[in-house]
Amino acid sequence: QPNAMGGREVGALSNLLAAHLDLDNEQHRHLVADFWQAPQPLAAEVGVKACDAADAILDGRIKAIWIMATNPVVSLPEADKFRRALATCDLVIVSDCSVDSDTVKCADIVLPAQGWGEKSGTVTNSERRISRQRALMPALGQAKPDWWILSQVAKRMGLAGFDYQHARDIFNEHIALTAYGNDISQALSDSNQPRYLNLAKDLSPMVVGSIALIEESPNHLEQQNKDVVSFSRDAYDAMTPFQWGGARIAPIKTRFIAITPPSHASIPNRHPRRL
């Protein structure tokens, strides 16, 4: 299954932009487009959700689909309907580490992706804790990282901005966008709640105390005003888990829930069998 929380952080949902910015917010779209120096405005229309993809294929709205790191023919609701939809789709591409998954069997093109023990990158769990994922073994055959596959396809389509050489390059871009988006989007947001996704600030206390490489060689880490700007490859490899949004901008009152410990049941002696 995919790195679902990490995917959300980089905008891999039909209604989200990278860095948890809102697709339906025009100012957020301009912000991300400006950061990426996009040659055209970002699409404003919310895309098709995964659970609605079968209907979109069957009614002709989706002509080609690329499925990565998941097995929707098994895991989605109404999986049989999704299987039937894939059978009618003009082009089905599947990136997977398994050659015989149910979804791979529906594919026109199969791209060999690295498995869990072969990947190097980051994973975010449901409490927003980002951890380095380190490969346990060399990749077999022609298996490649998902980011490499995406970058190669983008470049062969003539798109610029995909010259990544290492997972660290992508993580550094993510750090920069979260800082850029955090500083600007707070002024643009209609909400009273600030955005806490700013990895440049969240990483600062973590790297000072836990990465010895940085003390030995300051060039491993680039900082501005004590905020992390980018990692070298060595610092990225040595990164320890951290939780983004750990330090809130404004103090909040903690709510406590009273918990009464269970007590032993009292059974009268005259009713020994009574429960």
Foldseek 3Di string as FASTA:
>chain_A
DDLVVVCVCCPVFQQAHHNRHGLQQQVSQVLVCVLLVPPDGDDNDRDDGPQCVLVCLVVPVAQEDEAEDDQQCPPHPVSVSSLVSLQRHNAYEYEDCDCDGPSNVSHPHYADAFDQQADWAWGADPQQKIFTRDHNDHGPDRHDHPLVVVLVVCVVVVHPDSPDDDNQVVVLSSLQSNQSCQVPVQVVDPDPAGRQRHQQVQCQVQCVPFPVVCVVPVVQFDHDPSGTRGGHPSSSVRHGMTHTSPDGPDDDDDDDDDDDDDDDDDDDPVCVPDD
